[in-house]
N, C-alpha and C. Protein backbone atom coordinates (compact mmCIF):
# COMPACT_ATOMS: atom_id res chain seq x y z
N MET A 1 51.97 148.71 71.54
CA MET A 1 52.95 149.78 71.59
C MET A 1 52.45 150.95 70.76
N GLN A 2 52.74 152.14 71.22
CA GLN A 2 52.35 153.32 70.48
C GLN A 2 53.15 153.43 69.19
N LYS A 3 52.64 154.21 68.27
CA LYS A 3 53.30 154.39 66.98
C LYS A 3 54.61 155.16 67.18
N LEU A 4 55.69 154.63 66.61
CA LEU A 4 57.00 155.25 66.78
C LEU A 4 57.27 156.28 65.69
N LYS A 5 57.99 157.32 66.07
CA LYS A 5 58.43 158.33 65.10
C LYS A 5 59.70 157.83 64.43
N ASP A 6 60.05 158.45 63.31
CA ASP A 6 61.23 158.02 62.55
C ASP A 6 62.50 158.01 63.40
N ASP A 7 62.70 159.04 64.22
CA ASP A 7 63.92 159.10 65.03
C ASP A 7 63.93 157.97 66.07
N GLU A 8 62.76 157.55 66.54
CA GLU A 8 62.69 156.45 67.49
C GLU A 8 63.02 155.12 66.80
N TRP A 9 62.56 154.97 65.56
CA TRP A 9 62.91 153.77 64.79
C TRP A 9 64.41 153.70 64.56
N LEU A 10 64.99 154.83 64.19
CA LEU A 10 66.44 154.86 63.94
C LEU A 10 67.22 154.49 65.20
N ARG A 11 66.75 154.97 66.35
CA ARG A 11 67.39 154.62 67.62
C ARG A 11 67.29 153.12 67.86
N LEU A 12 66.11 152.54 67.58
CA LEU A 12 65.94 151.09 67.74
C LEU A 12 66.88 150.31 66.82
N PHE A 13 67.02 150.76 65.58
CA PHE A 13 67.90 150.06 64.64
C PHE A 13 69.34 150.10 65.12
N GLU A 14 69.75 151.22 65.70
CA GLU A 14 71.11 151.33 66.24
C GLU A 14 71.28 150.42 67.45
N GLU A 15 70.28 150.37 68.31
CA GLU A 15 70.34 149.48 69.47
C GLU A 15 70.40 148.02 69.04
N PHE A 16 69.67 147.69 67.97
CA PHE A 16 69.66 146.31 67.50
C PHE A 16 71.05 145.86 67.03
N LYS A 17 71.83 146.78 66.47
CA LYS A 17 73.19 146.44 66.02
C LYS A 17 74.04 145.94 67.18
N LYS A 18 73.76 146.42 68.39
CA LYS A 18 74.54 146.03 69.57
C LYS A 18 73.93 144.84 70.30
N PHE A 19 72.71 144.48 69.95
CA PHE A 19 71.98 143.40 70.61
C PHE A 19 72.58 142.06 70.23
N GLU A 20 72.75 141.17 71.19
CA GLU A 20 73.40 139.89 70.93
C GLU A 20 72.43 138.74 70.70
N GLY A 21 71.13 139.00 70.71
CA GLY A 21 70.15 137.95 70.46
C GLY A 21 69.59 138.05 69.05
N THR A 22 68.47 137.40 68.85
CA THR A 22 67.82 137.41 67.54
C THR A 22 66.96 138.67 67.39
N ALA A 23 66.59 138.97 66.15
CA ALA A 23 65.72 140.11 65.90
C ALA A 23 64.37 139.90 66.59
N LYS A 24 63.90 138.67 66.57
CA LYS A 24 62.62 138.37 67.22
C LYS A 24 62.69 138.65 68.72
N ASP A 25 63.79 138.24 69.36
CA ASP A 25 63.98 138.50 70.79
C ASP A 25 64.08 140.00 71.06
N PHE A 26 64.80 140.71 70.19
CA PHE A 26 64.95 142.16 70.35
C PHE A 26 63.58 142.84 70.27
N CYS A 27 62.79 142.45 69.28
CA CYS A 27 61.48 143.06 69.10
C CYS A 27 60.58 142.78 70.30
N LYS A 28 60.61 141.55 70.79
CA LYS A 28 59.80 141.19 71.95
C LYS A 28 60.21 142.02 73.17
N ALA A 29 61.51 142.17 73.37
CA ALA A 29 62.02 142.93 74.51
C ALA A 29 61.66 144.41 74.43
N ASN A 30 61.46 144.90 73.20
CA ASN A 30 61.17 146.32 73.01
C ASN A 30 59.70 146.58 72.66
N GLY A 31 58.87 145.53 72.71
CA GLY A 31 57.44 145.70 72.44
C GLY A 31 57.12 146.09 71.02
N VAL A 32 57.92 145.57 70.08
CA VAL A 32 57.74 145.91 68.67
C VAL A 32 57.38 144.63 67.90
N ASN A 33 56.42 144.74 67.00
CA ASN A 33 56.08 143.62 66.13
C ASN A 33 57.26 143.36 65.20
N ASP A 34 57.73 142.11 65.13
CA ASP A 34 58.92 141.83 64.33
C ASP A 34 58.71 142.08 62.85
N LYS A 35 57.53 141.83 62.32
CA LYS A 35 57.28 142.10 60.89
C LYS A 35 57.32 143.60 60.62
N THR A 36 56.79 144.38 61.55
CA THR A 36 56.84 145.84 61.41
C THR A 36 58.29 146.31 61.49
N PHE A 37 59.07 145.71 62.39
CA PHE A 37 60.48 146.07 62.53
C PHE A 37 61.22 145.86 61.21
N TYR A 38 61.05 144.66 60.60
CA TYR A 38 61.72 144.37 59.33
C TYR A 38 61.27 145.32 58.23
N SER A 39 59.97 145.57 58.17
CA SER A 39 59.42 146.44 57.14
C SER A 39 59.94 147.86 57.28
N ARG A 40 59.91 148.40 58.49
CA ARG A 40 60.39 149.77 58.72
C ARG A 40 61.89 149.88 58.45
N ARG A 41 62.63 148.87 58.86
CA ARG A 41 64.08 148.89 58.63
C ARG A 41 64.39 148.90 57.13
N ARG A 42 63.67 148.09 56.38
CA ARG A 42 63.87 148.02 54.94
C ARG A 42 63.52 149.36 54.29
N LYS A 43 62.41 149.97 54.72
CA LYS A 43 61.98 151.25 54.15
C LYS A 43 62.92 152.39 54.51
N MET A 44 63.35 152.42 55.77
CA MET A 44 64.14 153.55 56.25
C MET A 44 65.62 153.44 55.92
N LEU A 45 66.15 152.22 55.95
CA LEU A 45 67.59 152.06 55.72
C LEU A 45 67.90 151.58 54.31
N GLY A 46 66.88 151.21 53.57
CA GLY A 46 67.10 150.71 52.22
C GLY A 46 67.56 149.27 52.24
N SER A 47 67.85 148.77 51.08
CA SER A 47 68.30 147.38 50.98
C SER A 47 69.63 147.31 50.25
N ASN A 48 70.56 148.18 50.64
CA ASN A 48 71.87 148.16 49.98
C ASN A 48 72.66 146.94 50.42
N GLU A 49 73.77 146.71 49.79
CA GLU A 49 74.59 145.53 50.04
C GLU A 49 75.07 145.43 51.48
N ASP A 50 75.25 146.55 52.16
CA ASP A 50 75.74 146.52 53.54
C ASP A 50 74.77 145.86 54.49
N ASN A 51 73.47 145.89 54.17
CA ASN A 51 72.46 145.32 55.06
C ASN A 51 72.17 143.86 54.78
N LYS A 52 72.77 143.30 53.73
CA LYS A 52 72.49 141.92 53.37
C LYS A 52 73.50 140.97 53.99
N VAL A 53 73.05 139.76 54.25
CA VAL A 53 73.92 138.72 54.77
C VAL A 53 74.43 137.91 53.59
N HIS A 54 75.73 137.74 53.50
CA HIS A 54 76.31 136.94 52.43
C HIS A 54 76.74 135.60 53.01
N ILE A 55 76.34 134.53 52.34
CA ILE A 55 76.63 133.19 52.82
C ILE A 55 77.49 132.48 51.79
N VAL A 56 78.56 131.86 52.25
CA VAL A 56 79.46 131.12 51.37
C VAL A 56 79.53 129.68 51.86
N PRO A 57 79.26 128.69 50.99
CA PRO A 57 79.35 127.29 51.45
C PRO A 57 80.80 126.88 51.71
N ILE A 58 80.99 126.01 52.69
CA ILE A 58 82.30 125.44 52.98
C ILE A 58 82.35 124.06 52.34
N VAL A 59 83.43 123.74 51.69
CA VAL A 59 83.56 122.42 51.08
C VAL A 59 83.71 121.40 52.20
N PRO A 60 82.80 120.43 52.27
CA PRO A 60 82.87 119.45 53.37
C PRO A 60 84.02 118.46 53.18
N GLU A 61 84.51 117.95 54.30
CA GLU A 61 85.52 116.90 54.24
C GLU A 61 84.83 115.59 53.89
N ALA A 62 85.58 114.61 53.48
CA ALA A 62 85.02 113.33 53.05
C ALA A 62 84.19 112.66 54.13
N ASN A 63 84.56 112.82 55.39
CA ASN A 63 83.84 112.15 56.46
C ASN A 63 82.81 113.05 57.15
N ASP A 64 82.57 114.21 56.60
CA ASP A 64 81.65 115.17 57.20
C ASP A 64 80.28 115.03 56.56
N ASN A 65 79.28 114.65 57.36
CA ASN A 65 77.93 114.47 56.84
C ASN A 65 77.05 115.69 57.05
N ASP A 66 77.58 116.72 57.66
CA ASP A 66 76.79 117.92 57.92
C ASP A 66 76.98 118.94 56.80
N LEU A 67 76.03 119.87 56.71
CA LEU A 67 76.09 120.95 55.74
C LEU A 67 76.59 122.18 56.48
N ASN A 68 77.70 122.74 56.04
CA ASN A 68 78.34 123.85 56.75
C ASN A 68 78.39 125.09 55.86
N PHE A 69 78.12 126.25 56.47
CA PHE A 69 78.22 127.53 55.78
C PHE A 69 79.01 128.48 56.66
N VAL A 70 79.63 129.46 56.03
CA VAL A 70 80.26 130.53 56.79
C VAL A 70 79.71 131.84 56.23
N ILE A 71 79.29 132.72 57.13
CA ILE A 71 78.83 134.04 56.72
C ILE A 71 80.07 134.91 56.58
N VAL A 72 80.05 135.86 55.67
CA VAL A 72 81.21 136.67 55.37
C VAL A 72 81.85 137.27 56.62
N ASN A 73 81.06 137.58 57.65
CA ASN A 73 81.64 138.15 58.87
C ASN A 73 82.38 137.11 59.72
N GLY A 74 82.41 135.85 59.26
CA GLY A 74 83.18 134.82 59.95
C GLY A 74 82.35 133.86 60.78
N ASN A 75 81.10 134.18 61.04
CA ASN A 75 80.24 133.26 61.79
C ASN A 75 79.96 132.02 60.97
N LYS A 76 79.90 130.87 61.66
CA LYS A 76 79.65 129.61 60.97
C LYS A 76 78.27 129.09 61.33
N ILE A 77 77.64 128.46 60.36
CA ILE A 77 76.34 127.82 60.55
C ILE A 77 76.49 126.38 60.11
N GLU A 78 76.09 125.45 60.97
CA GLU A 78 76.17 124.03 60.63
C GLU A 78 74.79 123.41 60.74
N PHE A 79 74.43 122.60 59.73
CA PHE A 79 73.16 121.91 59.71
C PHE A 79 73.40 120.42 59.58
N ASN A 80 72.60 119.64 60.29
CA ASN A 80 72.65 118.19 60.15
C ASN A 80 72.16 117.85 58.75
N ASN A 81 72.75 116.81 58.15
CA ASN A 81 72.38 116.47 56.77
C ASN A 81 70.96 115.93 56.64
N THR A 82 70.25 115.74 57.75
CA THR A 82 68.86 115.26 57.68
C THR A 82 67.86 116.41 57.61
N LEU A 83 68.34 117.64 57.63
CA LEU A 83 67.46 118.80 57.55
C LEU A 83 66.71 118.79 56.23
N ALA A 84 65.40 118.95 56.28
CA ALA A 84 64.58 118.94 55.07
C ALA A 84 64.89 120.15 54.19
N HIS A 85 64.78 119.96 52.89
CA HIS A 85 65.08 121.00 51.92
C HIS A 85 64.26 122.27 52.18
N ASP A 86 62.96 122.12 52.46
CA ASP A 86 62.12 123.30 52.69
C ASP A 86 62.53 124.04 53.97
N GLN A 87 63.00 123.31 54.98
CA GLN A 87 63.47 123.95 56.21
C GLN A 87 64.74 124.75 55.94
N LEU A 88 65.67 124.16 55.20
CA LEU A 88 66.91 124.86 54.86
C LEU A 88 66.61 126.10 54.02
N SER A 89 65.70 125.98 53.07
CA SER A 89 65.32 127.12 52.24
C SER A 89 64.75 128.26 53.08
N ALA A 90 63.90 127.91 54.05
CA ALA A 90 63.29 128.92 54.91
C ALA A 90 64.35 129.62 55.77
N ILE A 91 65.32 128.86 56.26
CA ILE A 91 66.39 129.44 57.07
C ILE A 91 67.23 130.41 56.25
N ILE A 92 67.63 129.98 55.06
CA ILE A 92 68.45 130.85 54.20
C ILE A 92 67.67 132.09 53.79
N LYS A 93 66.40 131.93 53.47
CA LYS A 93 65.58 133.08 53.11
C LYS A 93 65.52 134.06 54.27
N GLY A 94 65.34 133.55 55.50
CA GLY A 94 65.28 134.40 56.67
C GLY A 94 66.58 135.16 56.91
N LEU A 95 67.72 134.52 56.64
CA LEU A 95 69.00 135.18 56.83
C LEU A 95 69.25 136.28 55.83
N THR A 96 68.66 136.19 54.66
CA THR A 96 68.93 137.16 53.61
C THR A 96 67.92 138.29 53.56
N GLN A 97 66.96 138.30 54.46
CA GLN A 97 65.97 139.39 54.46
C GLN A 97 66.48 140.57 55.22
């Protein structure tokens, strides 16, 4: 893909807000390297609190063996309790970037 100008990046970031898939899928669909997308977004939009994902753990019930989280916007994430620690760490790190 050719090098994008700042106004083109801003347009992409706005389109991404409406996109219902993952950032990786969005980048692939638009011919953009996902690492470049994240880097440009961080540089151009900053890293203020509005751009961060906040995760709050849900207290599990006694018979619940899964690990459950809710993101502040109300979306829920559930993980099987057999998920390896390093895998969970990588997922959480990815959500907070």
